[in-house]
């Protein structure tokens, strides 16, 4: 393996890990599965990682970096009104539902459901990643609250967690139904609920 190909094979393995685990789960996914998806040898795997868990921790970091870039480039960030940005975020997540189920579900959410009690390092990595995403939502929610509902007794952070709870729950039901329609309906309800938190905004939406 040359120095030029080593980083590429490592990246392929990280991406393959998130792809296969979203489809099969952590326990059912083997090193052989990941290597086959990545198109590399088992020797290449162990050149980069000591174990499946070590790869998964790297895959979580890679996933966080990739998703942060995807959401940062989304058009809703260019909207002036913070509430419009929040609603645009929901629309963006709804649009992603047109993909295959493993492609729109959350790697971290899938992973933590299975590993929270058995792999503490993985659970903590997933928690950091999901909480970081919620923190980004919270900034817009705080701005919208200051502008439209300054006296409301809810916290922006709690709404950020609620948004993610709806999303993660919707992914679970999409898997159970093997259909994304239930998730689309849930996100439509979520959008109506968010609007209801800001009474001055309801009349124009």
N, C-alpha and C. Protein backbone atom coordinates (compact mmCIF):
# COMPACT_ATOMS: atom_id res chain seq x y z
N UNK A 1 0.85 -1.19 0.00
CA UNK A 1 0.00 0.00 0.00
C UNK A 1 0.89 1.25 0.00
N UNK A 2 0.69 2.12 -0.91
CA UNK A 2 1.49 3.34 -1.00
C UNK A 2 0.89 4.42 -0.13
N UNK A 3 1.72 5.45 0.24
CA UNK A 3 1.19 6.53 1.06
C UNK A 3 0.02 7.25 0.42
N UNK A 4 -0.03 7.25 -0.91
CA UNK A 4 -1.11 7.96 -1.60
C UNK A 4 -2.44 7.25 -1.46
N UNK A 5 -2.40 5.91 -1.41
CA UNK A 5 -3.66 5.17 -1.35
C UNK A 5 -4.14 4.91 0.08
N UNK A 6 -3.25 5.00 1.05
CA UNK A 6 -3.63 4.72 2.43
C UNK A 6 -4.75 5.62 2.94
N UNK A 7 -4.66 6.95 2.79
CA UNK A 7 -5.76 7.80 3.26
C UNK A 7 -7.08 7.51 2.56
N UNK A 8 -6.98 7.15 1.26
CA UNK A 8 -8.21 6.87 0.51
C UNK A 8 -8.89 5.62 1.02
N UNK A 9 -8.10 4.58 1.30
CA UNK A 9 -8.70 3.34 1.80
C UNK A 9 -9.28 3.55 3.20
N UNK A 10 -8.63 4.36 4.01
CA UNK A 10 -9.16 4.65 5.34
C UNK A 10 -10.52 5.35 5.24
N UNK A 11 -10.60 6.34 4.35
CA UNK A 11 -11.87 7.06 4.18
C UNK A 11 -12.95 6.13 3.66
N UNK A 12 -12.60 5.27 2.71
CA UNK A 12 -13.59 4.32 2.19
C UNK A 12 -14.10 3.41 3.30
N UNK A 13 -13.21 2.98 4.18
CA UNK A 13 -13.63 2.13 5.29
C UNK A 13 -14.55 2.87 6.25
N UNK A 14 -14.24 4.12 6.55
CA UNK A 14 -15.10 4.90 7.45
C UNK A 14 -16.49 5.08 6.85
N UNK A 15 -16.55 5.40 5.57
CA UNK A 15 -17.85 5.60 4.91
C UNK A 15 -18.60 4.28 4.79
N UNK A 16 -17.87 3.21 4.52
CA UNK A 16 -18.51 1.89 4.43
C UNK A 16 -19.09 1.48 5.77
N UNK A 17 -18.37 1.80 6.85
CA UNK A 17 -18.87 1.45 8.17
C UNK A 17 -20.22 2.07 8.45
N UNK A 18 -20.36 3.37 8.17
CA UNK A 18 -21.65 4.03 8.42
C UNK A 18 -22.73 3.49 7.50
N UNK A 19 -22.38 3.18 6.26
CA UNK A 19 -23.37 2.67 5.30
C UNK A 19 -23.90 1.30 5.72
N UNK A 20 -23.00 0.41 6.04
CA UNK A 20 -23.42 -0.97 6.37
C UNK A 20 -24.14 -1.01 7.71
N UNK A 21 -23.64 -0.27 8.69
CA UNK A 21 -24.28 -0.30 10.01
C UNK A 21 -25.68 0.30 9.96
N UNK A 22 -25.89 1.33 9.15
CA UNK A 22 -27.25 1.88 9.02
C UNK A 22 -28.20 0.86 8.43
N UNK A 23 -27.69 -0.05 7.62
CA UNK A 23 -28.56 -1.06 7.00
C UNK A 23 -28.69 -2.33 7.83
N UNK A 24 -27.61 -2.72 8.54
CA UNK A 24 -27.61 -4.02 9.22
C UNK A 24 -27.55 -3.92 10.74
N UNK A 25 -27.14 -2.78 11.28
CA UNK A 25 -26.93 -2.67 12.71
C UNK A 25 -25.49 -2.99 13.08
N UNK A 26 -25.12 -2.59 14.30
CA UNK A 26 -23.72 -2.74 14.73
C UNK A 26 -23.32 -4.21 14.89
N UNK A 27 -24.12 -4.98 15.62
CA UNK A 27 -23.75 -6.36 15.93
C UNK A 27 -23.69 -7.22 14.67
N UNK A 28 -24.65 -7.05 13.77
CA UNK A 28 -24.71 -7.88 12.57
C UNK A 28 -23.65 -7.51 11.55
N UNK A 29 -23.11 -6.33 11.65
CA UNK A 29 -22.08 -5.89 10.70
C UNK A 29 -20.73 -6.50 11.08
N UNK A 30 -20.08 -7.13 10.13
CA UNK A 30 -18.77 -7.73 10.36
C UNK A 30 -17.69 -6.90 9.67
N UNK A 31 -16.45 -7.16 10.07
CA UNK A 31 -15.32 -6.51 9.40
C UNK A 31 -15.32 -6.89 7.92
N UNK A 32 -15.67 -8.13 7.61
CA UNK A 32 -15.74 -8.55 6.21
C UNK A 32 -16.78 -7.74 5.43
N UNK A 33 -17.93 -7.48 6.06
CA UNK A 33 -18.96 -6.67 5.41
C UNK A 33 -18.43 -5.28 5.07
N UNK A 34 -17.74 -4.68 6.03
CA UNK A 34 -17.22 -3.33 5.84
C UNK A 34 -16.17 -3.31 4.74
N UNK A 35 -15.29 -4.31 4.74
CA UNK A 35 -14.26 -4.40 3.71
C UNK A 35 -14.87 -4.58 2.32
N UNK A 36 -15.91 -5.43 2.25
CA UNK A 36 -16.56 -5.65 0.96
C UNK A 36 -17.21 -4.37 0.44
N UNK A 37 -17.87 -3.63 1.33
CA UNK A 37 -18.51 -2.37 0.94
C UNK A 37 -17.46 -1.35 0.50
N UNK A 38 -16.33 -1.33 1.21
CA UNK A 38 -15.28 -0.36 0.90
C UNK A 38 -14.43 -0.77 -0.30
N UNK A 39 -14.46 -2.05 -0.64
CA UNK A 39 -13.64 -2.54 -1.75
C UNK A 39 -12.16 -2.62 -1.39
N UNK A 40 -11.89 -2.98 -0.13
CA UNK A 40 -10.49 -3.11 0.32
C UNK A 40 -10.32 -4.47 1.00
N UNK A 41 -9.08 -4.84 1.25
CA UNK A 41 -8.80 -6.12 1.88
C UNK A 41 -8.92 -6.03 3.39
N UNK A 42 -9.02 -7.19 4.01
CA UNK A 42 -9.05 -7.24 5.47
C UNK A 42 -7.72 -6.76 6.05
N UNK A 43 -6.65 -7.02 5.33
CA UNK A 43 -5.35 -6.52 5.76
C UNK A 43 -5.32 -5.00 5.80
N UNK A 44 -5.99 -4.39 4.82
CA UNK A 44 -6.08 -2.93 4.80
C UNK A 44 -6.86 -2.42 6.01
N UNK A 45 -7.94 -3.14 6.35
CA UNK A 45 -8.72 -2.75 7.52
C UNK A 45 -7.84 -2.70 8.76
N UNK A 46 -7.11 -3.79 9.02
CA UNK A 46 -6.32 -3.86 10.25
C UNK A 46 -5.04 -3.02 10.18
N UNK A 47 -4.71 -2.55 8.99
CA UNK A 47 -3.63 -1.56 8.88
C UNK A 47 -4.08 -0.24 9.51
N UNK A 48 -5.37 0.07 9.39
CA UNK A 48 -5.90 1.35 9.88
C UNK A 48 -6.57 1.25 11.24
N UNK A 49 -7.17 0.10 11.55
CA UNK A 49 -7.98 -0.01 12.77
C UNK A 49 -7.67 -1.32 13.50
N UNK A 50 -7.64 -1.25 14.82
CA UNK A 50 -7.38 -2.44 15.62
C UNK A 50 -8.62 -3.31 15.78
N UNK A 51 -9.79 -2.70 15.65
CA UNK A 51 -11.04 -3.43 15.90
C UNK A 51 -12.19 -2.73 15.20
N UNK A 52 -13.34 -3.42 15.20
CA UNK A 52 -14.55 -2.81 14.64
C UNK A 52 -14.93 -1.59 15.44
N UNK A 53 -14.81 -1.63 16.76
CA UNK A 53 -15.18 -0.48 17.58
C UNK A 53 -14.30 0.73 17.26
N UNK A 54 -13.02 0.48 17.05
CA UNK A 54 -12.14 1.61 16.72
C UNK A 54 -12.55 2.23 15.40
N UNK A 55 -12.90 1.40 14.42
CA UNK A 55 -13.40 1.95 13.16
C UNK A 55 -14.67 2.75 13.38
N UNK A 56 -15.57 2.22 14.19
CA UNK A 56 -16.85 2.90 14.42
C UNK A 56 -16.63 4.27 15.05
N UNK A 57 -15.71 4.36 16.00
CA UNK A 57 -15.43 5.66 16.61
C UNK A 57 -14.90 6.63 15.56
N UNK A 58 -14.06 6.14 14.66
CA UNK A 58 -13.60 6.98 13.56
C UNK A 58 -14.72 7.34 12.61
N UNK A 59 -15.62 6.38 12.38
CA UNK A 59 -16.75 6.62 11.47
C UNK A 59 -17.70 7.67 12.05
N UNK A 60 -17.88 7.67 13.37
CA UNK A 60 -18.72 8.68 14.01
C UNK A 60 -18.12 10.07 13.78
N UNK A 61 -16.81 10.21 13.99
CA UNK A 61 -16.16 11.50 13.77
C UNK A 61 -16.26 11.92 12.31
N UNK A 62 -16.08 10.97 11.41
CA UNK A 62 -16.17 11.25 9.96
C UNK A 62 -17.60 11.66 9.60
N UNK A 63 -18.57 10.96 10.15
CA UNK A 63 -19.98 11.27 9.91
C UNK A 63 -20.32 12.69 10.39
N UNK A 64 -19.84 13.02 11.59
CA UNK A 64 -20.12 14.35 12.13
C UNK A 64 -19.55 15.44 11.24
N UNK A 65 -18.33 15.22 10.76
CA UNK A 65 -17.68 16.21 9.89
C UNK A 65 -18.44 16.35 8.58
N UNK A 66 -18.85 15.21 8.02
CA UNK A 66 -19.56 15.24 6.74
C UNK A 66 -20.94 15.87 6.88
N UNK A 67 -21.71 15.47 7.89
CA UNK A 67 -23.05 16.02 8.04
C UNK A 67 -23.01 17.51 8.39
N UNK A 68 -22.02 17.93 9.17
CA UNK A 68 -21.89 19.35 9.48
C UNK A 68 -21.71 20.16 8.21
N UNK A 69 -20.92 19.65 7.27
CA UNK A 69 -20.72 20.35 6.00
C UNK A 69 -21.99 20.35 5.16
N UNK A 70 -22.70 19.22 5.14
CA UNK A 70 -23.95 19.13 4.36
C UNK A 70 -24.97 20.14 4.86
N UNK A 71 -25.18 20.19 6.17
CA UNK A 71 -26.17 21.11 6.71
C UNK A 71 -25.70 22.56 6.61
N UNK A 72 -24.41 22.80 6.73
CA UNK A 72 -23.89 24.17 6.64
C UNK A 72 -24.11 24.76 5.25
N UNK A 73 -24.10 23.91 4.24
CA UNK A 73 -24.27 24.38 2.87
C UNK A 73 -25.73 24.45 2.44
N UNK A 74 -26.65 23.98 3.27
CA UNK A 74 -28.07 23.97 2.90
C UNK A 74 -28.61 25.40 2.78
N UNK A 75 -29.53 25.58 1.85
CA UNK A 75 -30.03 26.91 1.52
C UNK A 75 -30.75 27.62 2.65
N UNK A 76 -31.34 26.89 3.58
CA UNK A 76 -32.11 27.55 4.64
C UNK A 76 -31.25 28.44 5.52
N UNK A 77 -29.95 28.21 5.56
CA UNK A 77 -29.07 29.04 6.37
C UNK A 77 -29.01 30.48 5.86
N UNK A 78 -29.37 30.68 4.59
CA UNK A 78 -29.29 32.02 4.01
C UNK A 78 -30.54 32.86 4.27
N UNK A 79 -31.53 32.28 4.94
CA UNK A 79 -32.75 33.02 5.25
C UNK A 79 -32.50 33.97 6.41
N UNK A 80 -33.11 35.15 6.34
CA UNK A 80 -32.87 36.18 7.36
C UNK A 80 -33.56 35.88 8.69
N UNK A 81 -34.79 35.39 8.61
CA UNK A 81 -35.59 35.14 9.82
C UNK A 81 -35.16 33.82 10.46
N UNK A 82 -34.77 33.81 11.73
CA UNK A 82 -34.36 32.55 12.36
C UNK A 82 -35.45 31.49 12.39
N UNK A 83 -36.72 31.92 12.49
CA UNK A 83 -37.80 30.94 12.44
C UNK A 83 -37.88 30.31 11.06
N UNK A 84 -37.69 31.12 10.02
CA UNK A 84 -37.66 30.56 8.67
C UNK A 84 -36.52 29.55 8.52
N UNK A 85 -35.41 29.81 9.18
CA UNK A 85 -34.29 28.86 9.11
C UNK A 85 -34.67 27.54 9.79
N UNK A 86 -35.35 27.63 10.92
CA UNK A 86 -35.78 26.41 11.62
C UNK A 86 -36.76 25.61 10.76
N UNK A 87 -37.75 26.30 10.21
CA UNK A 87 -38.73 25.62 9.37
C UNK A 87 -38.06 25.09 8.10
N UNK A 88 -37.08 25.84 7.59
CA UNK A 88 -36.33 25.38 6.43
C UNK A 88 -35.53 24.12 6.73
N UNK A 89 -35.04 24.03 7.95
CA UNK A 89 -34.34 22.82 8.37
C UNK A 89 -35.28 21.62 8.31
N UNK A 90 -36.51 21.78 8.80
CA UNK A 90 -37.48 20.68 8.75
C UNK A 90 -37.79 20.32 7.30
N UNK A 91 -37.94 21.33 6.44
CA UNK A 91 -38.19 21.06 5.02
C UNK A 91 -37.01 20.30 4.39
N UNK A 92 -35.82 20.68 4.78
CA UNK A 92 -34.61 20.02 4.27
C UNK A 92 -34.60 18.56 4.69
N UNK A 93 -34.92 18.28 5.95
CA UNK A 93 -34.96 16.90 6.42
C UNK A 93 -36.07 16.12 5.72
N UNK A 94 -37.19 16.80 5.41
CA UNK A 94 -38.29 16.14 4.70
C UNK A 94 -37.86 15.75 3.28
N UNK A 95 -37.14 16.65 2.61
CA UNK A 95 -36.69 16.37 1.25
C UNK A 95 -35.76 15.16 1.20
N UNK A 96 -34.96 14.98 2.23
CA UNK A 96 -34.02 13.85 2.27
C UNK A 96 -34.76 12.52 2.32
N UNK A 97 -36.01 12.52 2.76
CA UNK A 97 -36.77 11.27 2.88
C UNK A 97 -37.04 10.61 1.54
N UNK A 98 -36.76 11.30 0.44
CA UNK A 98 -36.97 10.70 -0.87
C UNK A 98 -35.91 9.65 -1.20
N UNK A 99 -34.88 9.53 -0.38
CA UNK A 99 -33.83 8.55 -0.61
C UNK A 99 -34.22 7.18 -0.03
N UNK A 100 -33.36 6.19 -0.25
CA UNK A 100 -33.58 4.88 0.36
C UNK A 100 -33.46 4.99 1.88
N UNK A 101 -34.14 4.12 2.62
CA UNK A 101 -34.19 4.23 4.08
C UNK A 101 -32.80 4.30 4.73
N UNK A 102 -31.87 3.43 4.37
CA UNK A 102 -30.55 3.55 5.03
C UNK A 102 -29.83 4.86 4.72
N UNK A 103 -30.21 5.52 3.63
CA UNK A 103 -29.53 6.75 3.23
C UNK A 103 -30.06 7.98 3.95
N UNK A 104 -31.30 7.93 4.46
CA UNK A 104 -31.81 9.12 5.15
C UNK A 104 -31.84 8.95 6.67
N UNK A 105 -31.64 7.74 7.16
CA UNK A 105 -31.62 7.55 8.61
C UNK A 105 -30.30 8.03 9.19
N UNK A 106 -30.29 8.21 10.50
CA UNK A 106 -29.12 8.78 11.17
C UNK A 106 -28.19 7.66 11.65
N UNK A 107 -26.94 7.73 11.23
CA UNK A 107 -25.94 6.75 11.66
C UNK A 107 -25.81 6.74 13.18
N UNK A 108 -25.76 7.92 13.80
CA UNK A 108 -25.57 8.00 15.24
C UNK A 108 -26.78 7.44 15.99
N UNK A 109 -27.98 7.79 15.53
CA UNK A 109 -29.19 7.28 16.17
C UNK A 109 -29.30 5.77 16.06
N UNK A 110 -28.98 5.23 14.88
CA UNK A 110 -29.00 3.79 14.69
C UNK A 110 -28.00 3.11 15.61
N UNK A 111 -26.82 3.68 15.69
CA UNK A 111 -25.72 3.09 16.45
C UNK A 111 -25.99 3.10 17.95
N UNK A 112 -26.46 4.24 18.47
CA UNK A 112 -26.59 4.37 19.92
C UNK A 112 -27.73 3.50 20.46
N UNK A 113 -28.74 3.24 19.67
CA UNK A 113 -29.83 2.38 20.15
C UNK A 113 -29.33 0.99 20.49
N UNK A 114 -28.35 0.52 19.74
CA UNK A 114 -27.86 -0.84 19.93
C UNK A 114 -26.69 -0.94 20.90
N UNK A 115 -25.92 0.13 21.03
CA UNK A 115 -24.64 0.04 21.75
C UNK A 115 -24.61 0.80 23.08
N UNK A 116 -25.69 1.48 23.45
CA UNK A 116 -25.63 2.40 24.59
C UNK A 116 -25.22 1.72 25.89
N UNK A 117 -25.59 0.45 26.06
CA UNK A 117 -25.30 -0.24 27.32
C UNK A 117 -24.05 -1.12 27.25
N UNK A 118 -23.53 -1.34 26.05
CA UNK A 118 -22.43 -2.29 25.89
C UNK A 118 -21.12 -1.65 25.42
N UNK A 119 -21.21 -0.47 24.80
CA UNK A 119 -20.01 0.18 24.26
C UNK A 119 -20.03 1.65 24.68
N UNK A 120 -19.62 1.94 25.91
CA UNK A 120 -19.73 3.31 26.43
C UNK A 120 -19.00 4.36 25.59
N UNK A 121 -17.86 4.00 25.02
CA UNK A 121 -17.13 4.98 24.20
C UNK A 121 -17.94 5.35 22.96
N UNK A 122 -18.62 4.37 22.38
CA UNK A 122 -19.46 4.64 21.21
C UNK A 122 -20.66 5.49 21.61
N UNK A 123 -21.29 5.13 22.74
CA UNK A 123 -22.44 5.92 23.21
C UNK A 123 -22.04 7.38 23.44
N UNK A 124 -20.91 7.59 24.09
CA UNK A 124 -20.47 8.96 24.36
C UNK A 124 -20.17 9.72 23.08
N UNK A 125 -19.58 9.04 22.09
CA UNK A 125 -19.28 9.69 20.81
C UNK A 125 -20.57 10.08 20.09
N UNK A 126 -21.56 9.20 20.14
CA UNK A 126 -22.85 9.50 19.52
C UNK A 126 -23.54 10.66 20.22
N UNK A 127 -23.47 10.67 21.54
CA UNK A 127 -24.08 11.75 22.32
C UNK A 127 -23.45 13.09 21.95
N UNK A 128 -22.12 13.12 21.86
CA UNK A 128 -21.44 14.37 21.49
C UNK A 128 -21.87 14.84 20.12
N UNK A 129 -21.95 13.91 19.18
CA UNK A 129 -22.34 14.29 17.82
C UNK A 129 -23.75 14.80 17.73
N UNK A 130 -24.70 14.10 18.34
CA UNK A 130 -26.10 14.52 18.28
C UNK A 130 -26.31 15.82 19.06
N UNK A 131 -25.64 15.96 20.19
CA UNK A 131 -25.79 17.18 20.99
C UNK A 131 -25.21 18.39 20.28
N UNK A 132 -24.13 18.18 19.53
CA UNK A 132 -23.54 19.27 18.75
C UNK A 132 -24.52 19.75 17.68
N UNK A 133 -25.21 18.81 17.05
CA UNK A 133 -26.21 19.16 16.02
C UNK A 133 -27.36 19.93 16.66
N UNK A 134 -27.80 19.50 17.83
CA UNK A 134 -28.87 20.19 18.54
C UNK A 134 -28.44 21.59 18.93
N UNK A 135 -27.19 21.75 19.32
CA UNK A 135 -26.68 23.08 19.69
C UNK A 135 -26.79 24.06 18.52
N UNK A 136 -26.54 23.58 17.31
CA UNK A 136 -26.66 24.45 16.13
C UNK A 136 -28.12 24.88 15.94
N UNK A 137 -29.06 23.96 16.12
CA UNK A 137 -30.48 24.30 16.03
C UNK A 137 -30.87 25.27 17.14
N UNK A 138 -30.32 25.06 18.32
CA UNK A 138 -30.67 25.88 19.48
C UNK A 138 -30.34 27.35 19.26
N UNK A 139 -29.26 27.63 18.55
CA UNK A 139 -28.91 29.03 18.29
C UNK A 139 -30.00 29.74 17.50
N UNK A 140 -30.54 29.09 16.48
CA UNK A 140 -31.63 29.70 15.72
C UNK A 140 -32.91 29.75 16.54
N UNK A 141 -33.16 28.72 17.33
CA UNK A 141 -34.36 28.72 18.17
C UNK A 141 -34.31 29.83 19.21
N UNK A 142 -33.14 30.08 19.78
CA UNK A 142 -33.00 31.18 20.75
C UNK A 142 -33.25 32.52 20.08
N UNK A 143 -32.74 32.69 18.87
CA UNK A 143 -32.95 33.95 18.15
C UNK A 143 -34.42 34.14 17.80
N UNK A 144 -35.08 33.06 17.38
CA UNK A 144 -36.50 33.15 17.06
C UNK A 144 -37.33 33.44 18.31
N UNK A 145 -36.95 32.85 19.42
CA UNK A 145 -37.67 33.08 20.68
C UNK A 145 -37.52 34.53 21.12
N UNK A 146 -36.33 35.09 21.04
CA UNK A 146 -36.14 36.49 21.42
C UNK A 146 -36.98 37.42 20.56
N UNK A 147 -37.11 37.08 19.29
CA UNK A 147 -37.83 37.95 18.37
C UNK A 147 -39.34 37.77 18.46
N UNK A 148 -39.82 36.53 18.66
CA UNK A 148 -41.25 36.25 18.48
C UNK A 148 -41.96 35.75 19.74
N UNK A 149 -41.22 35.21 20.69
CA UNK A 149 -41.89 34.66 21.88
C UNK A 149 -41.00 34.84 23.11
N UNK A 150 -40.62 36.07 23.43
CA UNK A 150 -39.66 36.30 24.51
C UNK A 150 -40.17 35.87 25.89
N UNK A 151 -41.47 35.81 26.08
CA UNK A 151 -42.02 35.46 27.39
C UNK A 151 -42.42 33.99 27.49
N UNK A 152 -42.18 33.23 26.46
CA UNK A 152 -42.56 31.81 26.48
C UNK A 152 -41.77 31.07 27.56
N UNK A 153 -42.40 30.07 28.18
CA UNK A 153 -41.76 29.39 29.31
C UNK A 153 -41.00 28.13 28.89
N UNK A 154 -40.80 27.93 27.59
CA UNK A 154 -40.01 26.80 27.12
C UNK A 154 -38.59 27.27 26.78
N UNK A 155 -37.65 26.35 26.81
CA UNK A 155 -36.28 26.70 26.45
C UNK A 155 -35.99 26.29 25.02
N UNK A 156 -35.12 27.05 24.38
CA UNK A 156 -34.75 26.73 23.00
C UNK A 156 -34.08 25.36 22.91
N UNK A 157 -33.26 25.05 23.90
CA UNK A 157 -32.57 23.76 23.88
C UNK A 157 -33.56 22.60 23.96
N UNK A 158 -34.61 22.74 24.79
CA UNK A 158 -35.58 21.66 24.92
C UNK A 158 -36.31 21.43 23.59
N UNK A 159 -36.57 22.50 22.86
CA UNK A 159 -37.22 22.36 21.55
C UNK A 159 -36.26 21.70 20.56
N UNK A 160 -34.97 22.03 20.66
CA UNK A 160 -33.98 21.38 19.80
C UNK A 160 -33.96 19.87 20.03
N UNK A 161 -34.01 19.46 21.29
CA UNK A 161 -34.05 18.03 21.59
C UNK A 161 -35.35 17.40 21.09
N UNK A 162 -36.45 18.15 21.20
CA UNK A 162 -37.73 17.62 20.73
C UNK A 162 -37.70 17.40 19.21
N UNK A 163 -37.13 18.36 18.49
CA UNK A 163 -37.01 18.20 17.03
C UNK A 163 -36.27 16.92 16.69
N UNK A 164 -35.16 16.69 17.38
CA UNK A 164 -34.38 15.50 17.11
C UNK A 164 -35.10 14.23 17.54
N UNK A 165 -35.87 14.31 18.63
CA UNK A 165 -36.64 13.14 19.06
C UNK A 165 -37.68 12.76 18.01
N UNK A 166 -38.32 13.76 17.42
CA UNK A 166 -39.28 13.48 16.35
C UNK A 166 -38.58 12.84 15.16
N UNK A 167 -37.43 13.38 14.79
CA UNK A 167 -36.69 12.83 13.66
C UNK A 167 -36.27 11.38 13.92
N UNK A 168 -35.64 11.14 15.07
CA UNK A 168 -35.16 9.78 15.36
C UNK A 168 -36.31 8.80 15.46
N UNK A 169 -37.41 9.21 16.09
CA UNK A 169 -38.57 8.34 16.16
C UNK A 169 -39.16 8.08 14.79
N UNK A 170 -39.14 9.08 13.93
CA UNK A 170 -39.66 8.92 12.57
C UNK A 170 -38.81 7.93 11.79
N UNK A 171 -37.50 7.96 12.00
CA UNK A 171 -36.63 7.01 11.31
C UNK A 171 -36.95 5.59 11.74
N UNK A 172 -37.24 5.40 13.03
CA UNK A 172 -37.58 4.06 13.53
C UNK A 172 -38.86 3.55 12.88
N UNK A 173 -39.87 4.42 12.80
CA UNK A 173 -41.13 3.99 12.19
C UNK A 173 -40.99 3.78 10.69
N UNK A 174 -40.14 4.56 10.04
CA UNK A 174 -39.90 4.34 8.61
C UNK A 174 -39.29 2.95 8.39
N UNK A 175 -38.40 2.55 9.29
CA UNK A 175 -37.83 1.21 9.20
C UNK A 175 -38.89 0.14 9.47
N UNK A 176 -39.71 0.37 10.49
CA UNK A 176 -40.74 -0.61 10.84
C UNK A 176 -41.75 -0.79 9.71
N UNK A 177 -42.14 0.33 9.10
CA UNK A 177 -43.12 0.28 8.01
C UNK A 177 -42.47 -0.01 6.66
N UNK A 178 -41.14 0.11 6.62
CA UNK A 178 -40.37 0.02 5.37
C UNK A 178 -40.91 1.01 4.34
N UNK A 179 -41.19 2.20 4.84
CA UNK A 179 -41.78 3.25 4.01
C UNK A 179 -41.55 4.58 4.71
N UNK A 180 -41.24 5.61 3.95
CA UNK A 180 -40.93 6.92 4.53
C UNK A 180 -42.15 7.79 4.75
N UNK A 181 -43.34 7.33 4.33
CA UNK A 181 -44.51 8.21 4.41
C UNK A 181 -44.84 8.60 5.83
N UNK A 182 -44.71 7.66 6.78
CA UNK A 182 -45.00 8.00 8.18
C UNK A 182 -44.06 9.08 8.67
N UNK A 183 -42.81 9.06 8.24
CA UNK A 183 -41.85 10.10 8.63
C UNK A 183 -42.24 11.45 8.02
N UNK A 184 -42.71 11.46 6.79
CA UNK A 184 -43.15 12.72 6.16
C UNK A 184 -44.31 13.33 6.94
N UNK A 185 -45.26 12.49 7.34
CA UNK A 185 -46.40 13.00 8.11
C UNK A 185 -45.95 13.54 9.47
N UNK A 186 -45.02 12.84 10.11
CA UNK A 186 -44.51 13.30 11.40
C UNK A 186 -43.83 14.66 11.28
N UNK A 187 -43.05 14.85 10.22
CA UNK A 187 -42.36 16.13 10.04
C UNK A 187 -43.32 17.25 9.68
N UNK A 188 -44.41 16.91 8.99
CA UNK A 188 -45.44 17.92 8.73
C UNK A 188 -46.09 18.37 10.04
N UNK A 189 -46.36 17.41 10.93
CA UNK A 189 -46.89 17.76 12.26
C UNK A 189 -45.87 18.56 13.06
N UNK A 190 -44.61 18.19 12.95
CA UNK A 190 -43.56 18.92 13.66
C UNK A 190 -43.51 20.38 13.20
N UNK A 191 -43.63 20.59 11.92
CA UNK A 191 -43.59 21.96 11.40
C UNK A 191 -44.77 22.77 11.93
N UNK A 192 -45.96 22.16 11.95
CA UNK A 192 -47.13 22.87 12.48
C UNK A 192 -46.94 23.18 13.97
N UNK A 193 -46.35 22.25 14.69
CA UNK A 193 -46.12 22.48 16.12
C UNK A 193 -45.14 23.63 16.33
N UNK A 194 -44.06 23.65 15.58
CA UNK A 194 -43.07 24.71 15.72
C UNK A 194 -43.68 26.08 15.46
N UNK A 195 -44.51 26.16 14.43
CA UNK A 195 -45.19 27.42 14.13
C UNK A 195 -46.06 27.85 15.30
N UNK A 196 -46.72 26.87 15.94
CA UNK A 196 -47.61 27.19 17.07
C UNK A 196 -46.87 27.78 18.26
N UNK A 197 -45.57 27.55 18.35
CA UNK A 197 -44.79 28.11 19.44
C UNK A 197 -44.56 29.61 19.30
N UNK A 198 -44.80 30.11 18.09
CA UNK A 198 -44.56 31.53 17.79
C UNK A 198 -45.85 32.13 17.24
N UNK A 199 -46.79 32.52 18.12
CA UNK A 199 -48.11 32.97 17.68
C UNK A 199 -48.10 34.08 16.63
N UNK A 200 -47.11 34.97 16.68
CA UNK A 200 -47.09 36.07 15.70
C UNK A 200 -46.74 35.57 14.31
N UNK A 201 -46.22 34.36 14.21
CA UNK A 201 -45.84 33.84 12.91
C UNK A 201 -46.95 33.01 12.27
N UNK A 202 -47.92 32.55 13.07
CA UNK A 202 -48.91 31.60 12.56
C UNK A 202 -49.75 32.18 11.44
N UNK A 203 -50.08 33.46 11.51
CA UNK A 203 -50.99 34.04 10.52
C UNK A 203 -50.39 34.13 9.14
N UNK A 204 -49.05 34.13 9.05
CA UNK A 204 -48.46 34.29 7.72
C UNK A 204 -47.92 32.97 7.16
N UNK A 205 -48.19 31.86 7.83
CA UNK A 205 -47.70 30.59 7.31
C UNK A 205 -48.88 29.62 7.15
